[in-house]
Protein backbone atom coordinates (compact mmCIF):
# COMPACT_ATOMS: atom_id res chain seq x y z
CA UNK A 1 -150.16 -157.05 128.05
CA UNK A 2 -147.80 -154.85 130.13
CA UNK A 3 -143.82 -156.01 129.42
CA UNK A 4 -143.62 -157.27 132.98
CA UNK A 5 -146.36 -159.50 132.52
CA UNK A 6 -145.37 -160.27 129.34
CA UNK A 7 -142.67 -162.35 131.04
CA UNK A 8 -143.84 -164.42 133.80
CA UNK A 9 -146.75 -165.66 131.70
CA UNK A 10 -146.16 -169.28 130.03
CA UNK A 11 -145.70 -170.95 126.61
CA UNK A 12 -148.74 -169.55 124.84
CA UNK A 13 -149.86 -173.41 123.56
CA UNK A 14 -149.19 -175.01 127.15
CA UNK A 15 -152.14 -176.63 128.91
CA UNK A 16 -151.99 -175.40 133.28
CA UNK A 17 -150.72 -178.20 134.92
CA UNK A 18 -153.04 -180.20 137.37
CA UNK A 19 -152.98 -179.37 140.99
CA UNK A 20 -149.97 -181.76 142.59
CA UNK A 21 -148.97 -182.87 140.15
CA UNK A 22 -145.40 -184.11 140.67
CA UNK A 23 -142.66 -183.24 137.54
CA UNK A 24 -139.28 -184.92 137.25
CA UNK A 25 -136.14 -184.07 135.81
CA UNK A 26 -132.35 -183.88 136.88
CA UNK A 27 -131.49 -182.32 140.19
CA UNK A 28 -128.23 -180.59 140.83
CA UNK A 29 -127.81 -180.28 144.51
CA UNK A 30 -129.13 -181.36 147.00
CA UNK A 31 -131.42 -178.15 148.55
CA UNK A 32 -135.18 -178.58 149.04
CA UNK A 33 -137.31 -175.09 148.94
CA UNK A 34 -141.00 -174.29 148.71
CA UNK A 35 -141.53 -171.00 146.98
CA UNK A 36 -143.91 -169.69 143.75
CA UNK A 37 -142.89 -169.91 140.59
CA UNK A 38 -142.25 -167.07 137.75
CA UNK A 39 -142.17 -168.49 134.15
CA UNK A 40 -139.98 -167.06 132.14
CA UNK A 41 -141.82 -166.68 128.66
CA UNK A 42 -141.07 -168.21 125.30
CA UNK A 43 -139.51 -165.61 122.98
CA UNK A 44 -140.87 -163.43 120.55
CA UNK A 45 -142.02 -164.93 117.84
CA UNK A 46 -141.09 -163.31 114.29
CA UNK A 47 -143.96 -162.91 112.16
CA UNK A 48 -144.65 -165.53 108.70
CA UNK A 49 -145.48 -162.08 106.84
CA UNK A 50 -143.06 -159.39 108.03
CA UNK A 51 -142.53 -157.09 105.20
CA UNK A 52 -139.87 -156.71 103.43
CA UNK A 53 -138.00 -153.42 103.62
CA UNK A 54 -138.13 -150.24 100.90
CA UNK A 55 -134.97 -149.12 102.00
CA UNK A 56 -132.25 -151.99 102.09
CA UNK A 57 -129.72 -149.68 103.42
CA UNK A 58 -131.55 -148.44 106.17
CA UNK A 59 -132.89 -152.31 107.27
CA UNK A 60 -128.94 -152.85 107.36
CA UNK A 61 -127.68 -150.41 109.49
CA UNK A 62 -130.99 -151.67 112.15
CA UNK A 63 -129.71 -155.20 111.83
CA UNK A 64 -125.86 -154.10 112.55
CA UNK A 65 -126.84 -151.60 115.35
CA UNK A 66 -129.22 -154.32 116.75
CA UNK A 67 -126.45 -156.91 117.07
CA UNK A 68 -123.90 -154.70 118.42
CA UNK A 69 -125.99 -153.20 121.33
CA UNK A 70 -126.95 -156.91 121.91
CA UNK A 71 -122.55 -157.45 122.24
CA UNK A 72 -122.19 -154.32 124.34
CA UNK A 73 -125.11 -154.73 126.71
CA UNK A 74 -123.50 -158.71 127.04
CA UNK A 75 -120.31 -157.29 127.35
CA UNK A 76 -121.65 -154.93 130.03
CA UNK A 77 -122.98 -157.42 132.45
CA UNK A 78 -120.02 -159.93 131.67
CA UNK A 79 -118.00 -157.13 133.45
CA UNK A 80 -120.45 -156.97 136.16
CA UNK A 81 -120.57 -159.96 136.92
CA UNK A 82 -119.25 -161.61 140.23
CA UNK A 83 -119.22 -165.60 139.56
CA UNK A 84 -116.30 -165.61 136.99
CA UNK A 85 -118.40 -169.35 135.19
CA UNK A 86 -121.18 -166.26 134.74
CA UNK A 87 -118.32 -163.92 133.27
CA UNK A 88 -116.56 -166.00 130.65
CA UNK A 89 -120.36 -167.49 129.49
CA UNK A 90 -121.63 -163.67 128.90
CA UNK A 91 -118.34 -162.87 127.34
CA UNK A 92 -118.73 -165.62 124.99
CA UNK A 93 -122.42 -165.00 124.29
CA UNK A 94 -121.16 -161.33 123.35
CA UNK A 95 -118.43 -162.36 120.73
CA UNK A 96 -121.15 -164.13 119.46
CA UNK A 97 -123.07 -161.22 118.76
CA UNK A 98 -120.40 -159.14 118.02
CA UNK A 99 -119.44 -162.28 115.02
CA UNK A 100 -118.83 -160.61 111.50
CA UNK A 101 -119.47 -164.00 110.26
CA UNK A 102 -123.04 -163.80 111.75
CA UNK A 103 -123.62 -160.44 110.77
CA UNK A 104 -122.63 -161.12 107.35
CA UNK A 105 -124.78 -164.11 107.09
CA UNK A 106 -128.07 -161.94 108.54
CA UNK A 107 -127.38 -159.13 105.98
CA UNK A 108 -127.05 -161.59 103.16
CA UNK A 109 -129.94 -162.94 103.91
CA UNK A 110 -132.05 -159.28 104.42
CA UNK A 111 -130.79 -158.59 100.63
CA UNK A 112 -132.26 -161.82 99.52
CA UNK A 113 -135.66 -161.33 100.12
CA UNK A 114 -136.37 -161.33 103.87
CA UNK A 115 -137.30 -158.89 107.03
CA UNK A 116 -134.74 -158.12 109.41
CA UNK A 117 -136.01 -160.50 112.01
CA UNK A 118 -136.18 -162.82 109.26
CA UNK A 119 -132.83 -162.01 108.77
CA UNK A 120 -131.35 -162.92 112.10
CA UNK A 121 -133.49 -165.53 113.31
CA UNK A 122 -132.92 -168.21 110.17
CA UNK A 123 -128.76 -166.68 110.16
CA UNK A 124 -128.48 -168.15 114.23
CA UNK A 125 -130.81 -171.48 112.95
CA UNK A 126 -128.04 -171.85 110.29
CA UNK A 127 -124.94 -171.12 112.40
CA UNK A 128 -126.85 -173.32 115.03
CA UNK A 129 -127.00 -176.43 113.02
CA UNK A 130 -122.82 -176.15 112.56
CA UNK A 131 -122.60 -175.61 116.52
CA UNK A 132 -125.12 -178.24 117.65
CA UNK A 133 -123.40 -180.92 114.80
CA UNK A 134 -119.87 -180.02 116.47
CA UNK A 135 -120.37 -181.39 119.36
CA UNK A 136 -118.34 -180.58 122.86
CA UNK A 137 -117.86 -176.82 123.74
CA UNK A 138 -119.54 -175.57 120.82
CA UNK A 139 -123.00 -177.59 121.19
CA UNK A 140 -123.21 -175.05 123.73
CA UNK A 141 -122.44 -171.83 122.37
CA UNK A 142 -126.21 -173.00 120.74
CA UNK A 143 -127.73 -171.35 123.94
CA UNK A 144 -125.47 -168.46 123.28
CA UNK A 145 -127.11 -168.22 119.41
CA UNK A 146 -130.60 -168.53 120.76
CA UNK A 147 -129.89 -166.08 123.15
CA UNK A 148 -128.52 -163.39 120.97
CA UNK A 149 -131.40 -164.40 118.39
CA UNK A 150 -133.86 -162.88 120.87
CA UNK A 151 -132.21 -159.92 121.86
CA UNK A 152 -131.71 -158.61 118.17
CA UNK A 153 -135.07 -159.70 116.65
CA UNK A 154 -136.88 -158.27 119.89
CA UNK A 155 -134.74 -155.19 119.37
CA UNK A 156 -135.62 -155.54 115.28
CA UNK A 157 -139.39 -156.11 116.42
CA UNK A 158 -140.05 -153.30 119.36
CA UNK A 159 -141.35 -155.49 121.97
CA UNK A 160 -139.23 -156.05 125.08
CA UNK A 161 -135.96 -158.21 125.81
CA UNK A 162 -136.34 -161.24 127.44
CA UNK A 163 -136.48 -161.16 131.27
CA UNK A 164 -137.46 -161.11 134.67
CA UNK A 165 -139.81 -158.93 136.15
CA UNK A 166 -138.82 -157.04 139.89
CA UNK A 167 -139.01 -160.00 142.39
CA UNK A 168 -140.06 -159.17 146.15
CA UNK A 169 -139.72 -162.22 147.63
CA UNK A 170 -138.41 -166.23 147.50
CA UNK A 171 -138.73 -167.20 144.11
CA UNK A 172 -138.26 -169.94 141.79
CA UNK A 173 -137.18 -169.23 138.58
CA UNK A 174 -139.10 -171.58 136.08
CA UNK A 175 -137.91 -171.53 132.13
CA UNK A 176 -137.80 -173.34 129.10
CA UNK A 177 -133.54 -172.85 129.11
CA UNK A 178 -131.55 -169.57 130.53
CA UNK A 179 -128.86 -168.25 128.68
CA UNK A 180 -126.24 -166.53 130.60
CA UNK A 181 -127.88 -163.71 130.15
CA UNK A 182 -130.87 -164.37 131.20
CA UNK A 183 -129.08 -165.84 134.35
CA UNK A 184 -127.31 -162.66 134.90
CA UNK A 185 -130.54 -161.11 135.09
CA UNK A 186 -131.81 -163.20 137.82
CA UNK A 187 -132.19 -161.37 141.51
CA UNK A 188 -130.27 -163.82 143.43
CA UNK A 189 -131.15 -162.45 146.87
CA UNK A 190 -134.58 -163.36 145.58
CA UNK A 191 -133.81 -166.65 143.49
CA UNK A 192 -134.37 -169.96 145.43
CA UNK A 193 -134.84 -172.76 142.81
CA UNK A 194 -134.06 -173.08 139.44
CA UNK A 195 -135.83 -175.18 137.14
CA UNK A 196 -135.98 -176.26 132.91
CA UNK A 197 -137.19 -177.64 130.65
CA UNK A 198 -133.80 -178.37 129.09
CA UNK A 199 -130.31 -178.39 129.98
CA UNK A 200 -128.19 -181.25 131.60
CA UNK A 201 -126.38 -181.28 134.28
CA UNK A 202 -123.20 -179.75 132.66
CA UNK A 203 -125.50 -177.07 131.02
CA UNK A 204 -125.19 -173.00 131.87
CA UNK A 205 -128.17 -172.81 134.47
CA UNK A 206 -126.72 -175.98 136.17
CA UNK A 207 -123.00 -174.54 136.57
CA UNK A 208 -124.19 -171.41 138.44
CA UNK A 209 -127.07 -172.95 140.11
CA UNK A 210 -124.04 -175.64 141.31
CA UNK A 211 -121.72 -173.07 142.43
CA UNK A 212 -124.28 -170.29 144.43
CA UNK A 213 -125.73 -173.41 146.20
CA UNK A 214 -129.32 -173.10 144.34
CA UNK A 215 -131.35 -176.27 143.94
CA UNK A 216 -131.73 -176.72 140.51
CA UNK A 217 -133.77 -179.72 138.80
CA UNK A 218 -133.27 -179.39 134.81
CA UNK A 219 -135.07 -181.24 131.72
CA UNK A 220 -138.29 -181.06 133.71
CA UNK A 221 -140.85 -181.54 130.53
CA UNK A 222 -143.96 -179.32 131.08
CA UNK A 223 -142.71 -176.88 134.04
CA UNK A 224 -142.75 -174.24 131.76
CA UNK A 225 -146.97 -174.78 132.05
CA UNK A 226 -147.07 -174.07 135.73
CA UNK A 227 -149.38 -171.11 135.97
CA UNK A 228 -146.98 -167.94 137.69
CA UNK A 229 -147.42 -167.60 141.56
CA UNK A 230 -148.43 -171.28 141.85
CA UNK A 231 -146.06 -172.61 145.31
CA UNK A 232 -143.99 -175.80 144.39
CA UNK A 233 -141.60 -177.83 146.01
CA UNK A 234 -138.64 -178.02 144.63
CA UNK A 235 -136.28 -181.29 145.26
CA UNK A 236 -133.26 -181.14 143.90
CA UNK A 237 -132.13 -184.59 145.74
CA UNK A 238 -134.72 -186.46 144.31
CA UNK A 239 -134.79 -183.90 140.89
CA UNK A 240 -138.76 -183.51 141.89
CA UNK A 241 -141.00 -180.47 141.53
CA UNK A 242 -144.06 -180.70 143.04
CA UNK A 243 -146.83 -178.33 141.89
CA UNK A 244 -149.00 -177.16 145.29
CA UNK A 245 -147.28 -179.03 148.06
CA UNK A 246 -149.21 -180.10 151.22
CA UNK A 247 -148.48 -178.15 154.83
CA UNK A 248 -146.90 -181.43 155.83
CA UNK A 249 -144.71 -181.38 153.05
CA UNK A 250 -143.88 -178.04 153.24
CA UNK A 251 -142.65 -178.46 156.91
CA UNK A 252 -140.25 -181.42 155.69
CA UNK A 253 -138.64 -179.08 153.43
CA UNK A 254 -137.94 -176.25 156.08
CA UNK A 255 -137.22 -179.11 157.89
CA UNK A 256 -134.44 -180.41 155.35
CA UNK A 257 -133.41 -177.04 155.46
CA UNK A 258 -132.50 -176.12 158.65
CA UNK A 259 -130.05 -179.39 158.86
CA UNK A 260 -128.62 -178.11 155.99
CA UNK A 261 -128.18 -174.75 157.58
CA UNK A 262 -126.54 -177.13 160.53
CA UNK A 263 -124.36 -178.83 158.21
CA UNK A 264 -123.12 -175.93 156.62
CA UNK A 265 -121.72 -174.48 160.33
CA UNK A 266 -119.47 -177.60 160.38
CA UNK A 267 -115.64 -176.61 159.18
CA UNK A 268 -113.87 -179.81 160.58
CA UNK A 269 -111.97 -181.50 157.93
CA UNK A 270 -113.04 -184.43 155.96
CA UNK A 271 -113.19 -187.62 157.26
CA UNK A 272 -114.77 -190.80 157.57
CA UNK A 273 -116.37 -192.38 160.64
CA UNK A 274 -113.16 -194.31 162.40
CA UNK A 275 -111.18 -191.57 161.35
CA UNK A 276 -109.94 -191.83 157.85
CA UNK A 277 -109.00 -188.25 156.45
CA UNK A 278 -110.54 -187.15 152.77
CA UNK A 279 -109.98 -183.79 151.33
CA UNK A 280 -112.48 -182.20 150.63
CA UNK A 281 -111.71 -179.24 148.26
CA UNK A 282 -112.69 -176.51 146.35
CA UNK A 283 -113.60 -175.89 142.49
CA UNK A 284 -112.43 -172.63 141.33
CA UNK A 285 -111.98 -170.56 138.67
CA UNK A 286 -110.77 -166.83 139.94
CA UNK A 287 -108.87 -165.24 142.87
CA UNK A 288 -112.36 -163.60 143.69
CA UNK A 289 -113.96 -167.80 143.75
CA UNK A 290 -110.99 -168.42 146.18
CA UNK A 291 -111.90 -165.63 148.59
CA UNK A 292 -115.75 -166.96 148.49
CA UNK A 293 -114.77 -170.69 148.88
CA UNK A 294 -112.06 -169.92 151.73
CA UNK A 295 -115.17 -168.85 154.08
CA UNK A 296 -116.57 -172.41 154.02
CA UNK A 297 -113.87 -174.60 152.60
CA UNK A 298 -111.28 -174.89 154.18
CA UNK A 299 -108.93 -177.60 153.13
CA UNK A 300 -107.65 -176.20 150.45
CA UNK A 301 -108.81 -176.06 146.31
CA UNK A 302 -108.62 -179.69 144.41
CA UNK A 303 -108.74 -177.45 141.15
CA UNK A 304 -107.73 -173.88 140.19
CA UNK A 305 -109.20 -173.86 136.44
CA UNK A 306 -106.56 -171.24 134.90
CA UNK A 307 -108.35 -170.67 131.69
CA UNK A 308 -110.27 -168.47 132.43
CA UNK A 309 -107.05 -166.38 132.63
CA UNK A 310 -106.37 -166.81 129.19
CA UNK A 311 -109.97 -167.16 127.14
CA UNK A 312 -111.83 -164.10 125.93
CA UNK A 313 -108.01 -162.28 125.15
CA UNK A 314 -106.16 -160.31 122.33
CA UNK A 315 -103.11 -161.84 122.99
CA UNK A 316 -101.68 -164.16 126.09
CA UNK A 317 -101.93 -163.18 129.60
CA UNK A 318 -97.93 -161.88 130.63
CA UNK A 319 -96.35 -164.00 132.64
CA UNK A 320 -96.08 -161.15 135.14
CA UNK A 321 -100.05 -160.54 134.76
CA UNK A 322 -100.17 -164.72 135.78
CA UNK A 323 -98.20 -164.40 138.86
CA UNK A 324 -100.87 -161.68 140.00
CA UNK A 325 -103.67 -164.73 139.58
CA UNK A 326 -101.61 -167.45 141.12
CA UNK A 327 -100.95 -165.06 143.98
CA UNK A 328 -103.55 -164.22 145.12
CA UNK A 329 -105.22 -168.11 144.92
CA UNK A 330 -102.18 -169.44 146.59
CA UNK A 331 -102.39 -166.02 149.94
CA UNK A 332 -106.43 -167.14 150.29
CA UNK A 333 -105.39 -170.48 151.21
CA UNK A 334 -102.09 -169.67 152.97
CA UNK A 335 -101.22 -172.71 154.69
CA UNK A 336 -102.89 -175.38 152.41
CA UNK A 337 -103.12 -177.25 149.61
CA UNK A 338 -103.58 -175.20 145.79
CA UNK A 339 -104.42 -177.37 142.94
CA UNK A 340 -103.46 -175.59 139.84
CA UNK A 341 -104.64 -176.88 136.25
CA UNK A 342 -102.39 -175.63 133.74
CA UNK A 343 -104.41 -174.16 130.73
CA UNK A 344 -107.24 -176.55 129.03
CA UNK A 345 -108.32 -174.56 126.00
CA UNK A 346 -108.01 -175.19 122.34
CA UNK A 347 -110.73 -176.79 120.16
CA UNK A 348 -113.93 -176.23 121.63
CA UNK A 349 -112.75 -173.16 123.94
CA UNK A 350 -110.72 -171.53 120.83
CA UNK A 351 -107.86 -168.52 121.82
CA UNK A 352 -107.60 -165.69 119.66
CA UNK A 353 -103.84 -165.62 120.25
CA UNK A 354 -103.33 -168.91 118.96
CA UNK A 355 -103.47 -170.24 115.28
CA UNK A 356 -105.56 -173.45 114.59
CA UNK A 357 -106.92 -175.66 111.41
CA UNK A 358 -110.58 -176.42 111.41
CA UNK A 359 -111.44 -179.30 113.65
CA UNK A 360 -114.28 -181.71 112.27
CA UNK A 361 -114.72 -183.45 115.99
CA UNK A 362 -113.15 -180.68 118.72
CA UNK A 363 -113.99 -183.07 121.36
CA UNK A 364 -111.22 -184.59 120.37
CA UNK A 365 -108.93 -182.97 119.01
CA UNK A 366 -105.80 -180.06 120.29
CA UNK A 367 -107.92 -179.02 123.31
CA UNK A 368 -105.35 -179.48 126.96
CA UNK A 369 -101.88 -180.59 127.24
CA UNK A 370 -101.89 -181.30 123.26
CA UNK A 371 -101.43 -177.37 123.09
CA UNK A 372 -97.76 -178.23 123.34
CA UNK A 373 -98.08 -179.17 119.56
CA UNK A 374 -98.90 -176.08 118.30
CA UNK A 375 -98.83 -173.25 120.74
CA UNK A 376 -96.08 -174.77 123.13
CA UNK A 377 -94.58 -171.27 124.16
CA UNK A 378 -97.81 -170.86 125.93
CA UNK A 379 -97.76 -173.86 128.62
CA UNK A 380 -93.23 -172.69 129.13
CA UNK A 381 -95.10 -169.41 130.18
CA UNK A 382 -97.53 -170.15 132.57
CA UNK A 383 -94.92 -173.26 134.64
CA UNK A 384 -92.60 -170.31 134.32
CA UNK A 385 -95.43 -167.72 136.72
CA UNK A 386 -96.16 -171.09 138.48
CA UNK A 387 -92.68 -171.38 139.45
CA UNK A 388 -91.99 -168.30 140.55
CA UNK A 389 -95.10 -168.25 142.44
CA UNK A 390 -93.93 -171.22 144.32
CA UNK A 391 -90.26 -169.18 144.53
CA UNK A 392 -92.29 -166.72 146.48
CA UNK A 393 -93.49 -168.99 149.26
CA UNK A 394 -91.45 -170.38 152.44
CA UNK A 395 -89.51 -172.95 151.74
CA UNK A 396 -91.88 -175.15 154.04
CA UNK A 397 -94.95 -173.73 151.39
CA UNK A 398 -93.66 -174.41 148.34
CA UNK A 399 -95.37 -178.16 148.70
CA UNK A 400 -98.74 -176.33 149.06
CA UNK A 401 -99.60 -175.65 145.22
CA UNK A 402 -99.21 -178.64 143.29
CA UNK A 403 -100.04 -178.59 139.43
CA UNK A 404 -101.63 -180.53 137.00
CA UNK A 405 -102.23 -181.18 133.57
CA UNK A 406 -105.41 -181.88 131.44
CA UNK A 407 -106.49 -184.22 129.02
CA UNK A 408 -103.46 -186.69 128.95
CA UNK A 409 -103.21 -189.97 127.12
CA UNK A 410 -100.61 -191.88 127.60
CA UNK A 411 -97.31 -192.16 130.22
CA UNK A 412 -95.04 -190.36 127.42
CA UNK A 413 -97.13 -187.22 127.32
CA UNK A 414 -97.16 -187.29 131.25
CA UNK A 415 -93.13 -187.62 131.43
CA UNK A 416 -92.95 -184.95 129.06
CA UNK A 417 -95.16 -182.86 131.33
CA UNK A 418 -93.30 -183.28 134.45
CA UNK A 419 -89.83 -182.72 133.19
CA UNK A 420 -91.04 -179.18 132.40
CA UNK A 421 -92.99 -178.75 135.61
CA UNK A 422 -89.97 -179.70 137.56
CA UNK A 423 -87.30 -177.53 135.60
CA UNK A 424 -89.73 -174.60 136.10
CA UNK A 425 -89.67 -175.22 140.01
CA UNK A 426 -92.97 -176.83 139.99
CA UNK A 427 -92.31 -179.89 143.40
CA UNK A 428 -95.69 -181.42 143.43
CA UNK A 429 -96.46 -182.50 139.74
CA UNK A 430 -100.21 -184.36 138.67
CA UNK A 431 -101.41 -185.19 135.62
CA UNK A 432 -105.62 -184.74 134.86
CA UNK A 433 -107.58 -188.59 134.31
CA UNK A 434 -110.27 -187.54 131.50
CA UNK A 435 -108.95 -190.43 128.57
CA UNK A 436 -110.00 -193.96 129.78
CA UNK A 437 -106.49 -194.36 128.07
CA UNK A 438 -104.78 -192.72 130.82
CA UNK A 439 -107.44 -194.49 133.26
CA UNK A 440 -106.13 -197.63 131.96
CA UNK A 441 -102.99 -197.03 132.18
CA UNK A 442 -102.93 -195.61 135.77
CA UNK A 443 -99.73 -197.38 137.01
CA UNK A 444 -97.22 -196.34 133.62
CA UNK A 445 -99.28 -192.58 134.12
CA UNK A 446 -98.64 -192.44 138.25
CA UNK A 447 -95.34 -194.03 137.94
CA UNK A 448 -94.21 -190.42 135.96
CA UNK A 449 -96.37 -188.15 138.37
CA UNK A 450 -96.41 -187.61 141.66
CA UNK A 451 -100.62 -187.74 141.61
CA UNK A 452 -103.21 -187.33 139.23
CA UNK A 453 -107.12 -186.19 139.09
CA UNK A 454 -109.85 -187.28 137.78
CA UNK A 455 -111.74 -185.33 135.72
CA UNK A 456 -115.35 -187.71 135.33
CA UNK A 457 -117.05 -185.28 133.73
CA UNK A 458 -114.96 -185.59 130.59
CA UNK A 459 -114.32 -189.37 131.35
CA UNK A 460 -117.66 -189.98 131.32
CA UNK A 461 -118.53 -188.58 127.75
CA UNK A 462 -115.37 -190.04 126.76
CA UNK A 463 -115.91 -193.65 128.23
CA UNK A 464 -119.06 -193.36 126.72
CA UNK A 465 -119.18 -191.51 123.79
CA UNK A 466 -121.65 -188.97 124.44
CA UNK A 467 -121.68 -185.05 124.54
CA UNK A 468 -121.58 -184.38 128.27
CA UNK A 469 -123.70 -181.01 126.95
CA UNK A 470 -127.14 -183.75 125.69
CA UNK A 471 -129.05 -183.80 128.34
CA UNK A 472 -131.11 -186.71 125.73
CA UNK A 473 -128.13 -188.65 126.59
CA UNK A 474 -126.94 -187.87 130.15
CA UNK A 475 -128.50 -191.73 131.20
CA UNK A 476 -124.72 -192.09 129.49
CA UNK A 477 -122.92 -189.90 130.70
CA UNK A 478 -124.79 -190.69 134.97
CA UNK A 479 -121.19 -192.00 137.21
CA UNK A 480 -122.37 -194.53 138.17
CA UNK A 481 -122.28 -196.46 134.72
CA UNK A 482 -120.83 -199.62 136.05
CA UNK A 483 -117.98 -198.80 132.25
CA UNK A 484 -116.77 -195.32 135.00
CA UNK A 485 -116.94 -196.78 137.81
CA UNK A 486 -114.82 -199.64 136.86
CA UNK A 487 -112.07 -196.73 135.16
CA UNK A 488 -112.03 -195.55 138.50
CA UNK A 489 -111.62 -197.93 140.51
CA UNK A 490 -108.48 -198.90 138.31
CA UNK A 491 -106.61 -195.11 138.72
CA UNK A 492 -107.64 -195.38 143.21
CA UNK A 493 -105.70 -199.09 143.17
CA UNK A 494 -102.81 -197.64 140.61
CA UNK A 495 -102.71 -195.23 143.05
CA UNK A 496 -102.87 -197.26 146.23
CA UNK A 497 -100.07 -199.68 144.83
CA UNK A 498 -97.90 -196.92 144.09
CA UNK A 499 -98.90 -194.97 147.49
CA UNK A 500 -99.85 -191.16 145.81
CA UNK A 501 -102.48 -189.86 145.84
CA UNK A 502 -106.10 -190.28 143.16
CA UNK A 503 -108.41 -187.65 143.52
CA UNK A 504 -111.80 -186.34 141.85
CA UNK A 505 -113.05 -183.22 140.87
CA UNK A 506 -115.80 -183.58 138.55
CA UNK A 507 -119.42 -183.19 139.46
CA UNK A 508 -119.89 -186.78 140.96
CA UNK A 509 -117.40 -186.01 143.97
CA UNK A 510 -120.45 -183.26 144.58
CA UNK A 511 -122.83 -186.11 145.53
CA UNK A 512 -122.59 -187.52 148.97
CA UNK A 513 -123.82 -190.84 147.80
CA UNK A 514 -121.15 -190.86 145.23
CA UNK A 515 -118.91 -189.57 147.23
CA UNK A 516 -118.63 -192.95 149.63
CA UNK A 517 -118.48 -194.73 146.75
CA UNK A 518 -115.37 -193.53 146.14
CA UNK A 519 -113.50 -193.38 149.27
CA UNK A 520 -114.69 -197.16 149.21
CA UNK A 521 -112.74 -197.40 145.87
CA UNK A 522 -109.62 -195.50 147.81
CA UNK A 523 -109.49 -192.20 146.39
CA UNK A 524 -108.13 -189.77 148.48
CA UNK A 525 -109.63 -186.45 148.18
CA UNK A 526 -112.77 -185.03 146.29
CA UNK A 527 -113.61 -181.32 144.91
CA UNK A 528 -116.23 -179.62 144.08
CA UNK A 529 -118.61 -176.39 144.43
CA UNK A 530 -118.32 -175.20 147.87
CA UNK A 531 -121.90 -174.86 148.27
CA UNK A 532 -121.75 -179.56 148.15
CA UNK A 533 -119.32 -179.87 150.72
CA UNK A 534 -121.39 -179.39 154.31
CA UNK A 535 -123.43 -182.64 152.59
CA UNK A 536 -120.31 -184.74 151.82
CA UNK A 537 -118.70 -183.82 155.10
CA UNK A 538 -121.86 -185.11 156.74
CA UNK A 539 -122.16 -188.31 154.53
CA UNK A 540 -118.25 -189.54 155.53
CA UNK A 541 -117.99 -188.69 158.74
CA UNK A 542 -121.13 -191.24 159.67
CA UNK A 543 -119.78 -194.22 157.95
CA UNK A 544 -116.52 -196.04 158.56
CA UNK A 545 -113.69 -196.36 155.96
CA UNK A 546 -115.30 -199.85 156.15
CA UNK A 547 -118.61 -199.17 155.95
CA UNK A 548 -117.26 -196.95 152.33
CA UNK A 549 -116.18 -200.32 150.97
CA UNK A 550 -118.43 -202.49 151.12
CA UNK A 551 -120.99 -199.39 149.65
CA UNK A 552 -118.77 -199.21 146.58
CA UNK A 553 -118.79 -203.12 146.46
CA UNK A 554 -122.69 -203.18 145.82
CA UNK A 555 -122.42 -200.14 144.44
CA UNK A 556 -120.03 -202.31 141.24
CA UNK A 557 -122.05 -205.12 140.94
CA UNK A 558 -124.69 -203.68 139.99
CA UNK A 559 -125.20 -204.05 136.09
CA UNK A 560 -126.40 -200.56 135.55
CA UNK A 561 -126.14 -197.16 137.03
CA UNK A 562 -129.79 -196.94 138.17
CA UNK A 563 -128.73 -200.28 139.92
CA UNK A 564 -125.82 -199.19 141.17
CA UNK A 565 -127.27 -196.01 142.80
CA UNK A 566 -129.74 -197.78 144.26
CA UNK A 567 -128.27 -200.41 145.73
CA UNK A 568 -125.39 -197.67 147.55
CA UNK A 569 -127.86 -196.06 148.51
CA UNK A 570 -129.69 -198.83 150.30
CA UNK A 571 -126.57 -200.08 151.83
CA UNK A 572 -125.74 -196.63 153.81
CA UNK A 573 -127.27 -195.67 156.94
CA UNK A 574 -130.86 -195.16 156.66
CA UNK A 575 -130.69 -191.82 159.02
CA UNK A 576 -127.85 -190.19 157.13
CA UNK A 577 -129.86 -191.37 153.92
CA UNK A 578 -132.93 -188.93 155.37
CA UNK A 579 -131.17 -186.53 156.49
CA UNK A 580 -129.53 -186.14 153.01
CA UNK A 581 -133.17 -186.56 151.51
CA UNK A 582 -131.51 -189.37 149.65
CA UNK A 583 -134.82 -190.92 149.26
């Protein structure tokens, strides 16, 4: 078997999927495409009888060399990545490959009588168990660990590393899961959709696909058994993969693609059919993201994640370095709102330059605004930089820059942050509502700040006590869960009573049907991946505010998430539902 064909075959023990079978999973995005599949094969297996090397010194050098080579390759890919989120993921994977603890444990196992590939395999398995048990973003690093394992083992066994052959035309990339390194090797000029057996709506794959506007379906059991080259219809809106679609199905997919292209040509401001304004904003992570987003999202930025400046650094960025980055983003959106989120790191996103104690449950630990308890100078420097950027703007534009803190739980925290931010020269100060306590205290918190933004991903995680990175808990993390809708409604109501903006910057804002519900609940702005804006704009433009309120009411009246979504879909305009492929 040649290296090229080795990586397009399916899982070795899988049976071919019958023609015309419809496979189901969780859709990410709204797209619908038809194209042949290329399947990323299962990684190389370690021989059960791998011989113990006669010369342990040579074997250790080879093992360490393989880890070092993989780390260097991942960092090179990170340097070449154009998407900030992919760059961060690759840097994190490179850090894992270079971790002395992983090397030390692999060497220990090697010297205990195992072959080098077996030693790495066992060491990674041990670390993966620890990461998975920790939950939060550490659990997400399990994908990185396995990616490192696959590449190191391949080098030690002398077989090709995971990868795809050269793509020559539109292709649906299928895999058990895609690591950041796998994703970095995907030819984005020819990839039209991504489908995986594992993962969730907030996995590596889903995040990258959402930012690129690629249709994506995750948790599709059996999809890697589809014969390479088979044409499939990927419907992200429905969360389905149709194997060997009919000509009628193919033509309907083409019609939906054409409708989506027409929707993307509309760059008008977000509003309901009766003219009620709803700002449609972009989620970004870097200045490069801002430049790309500004081409399609005209109204501003609803979430600028600043932690990209801080992660994977040996020292904190200087105030001058931060000023440069923030000014670039503000310039890209001159005259429009830019909402900057202060550093959301710590615990599950550790900083090399911040000394922390080991936390048994990092998702509930010192992260976000809580870093003021242990590393207050970080926030002080960031606010100083933001205040300086605001001072450089003309007086009439200084209110364009809004600043908010993540992981606020109490009115006292909101008050303390607001005092610090205003002292630094920030005129529009807000906080994230990601913790149920903040939603339940929305009136008291809004009394201290100018606005709030709901991070529905974390709000769902904390409300339902379900790790947002665990795909098997995706039903609990569904934003249509009645408890989550109740917290959103309560927050929006508090904002309306105090005449203060309440936005949503979580993934639920990108769902055009959920967007109608959120606006009906009183949400004033929606921030999302730029590729999601056209469908949301279209849905809003074809419903009045009163219709949005009616749809929100029926959604909230349901007893479960599925019932809420179904009731909302049945209540929306049938033609809009058809155009957007909402079923």
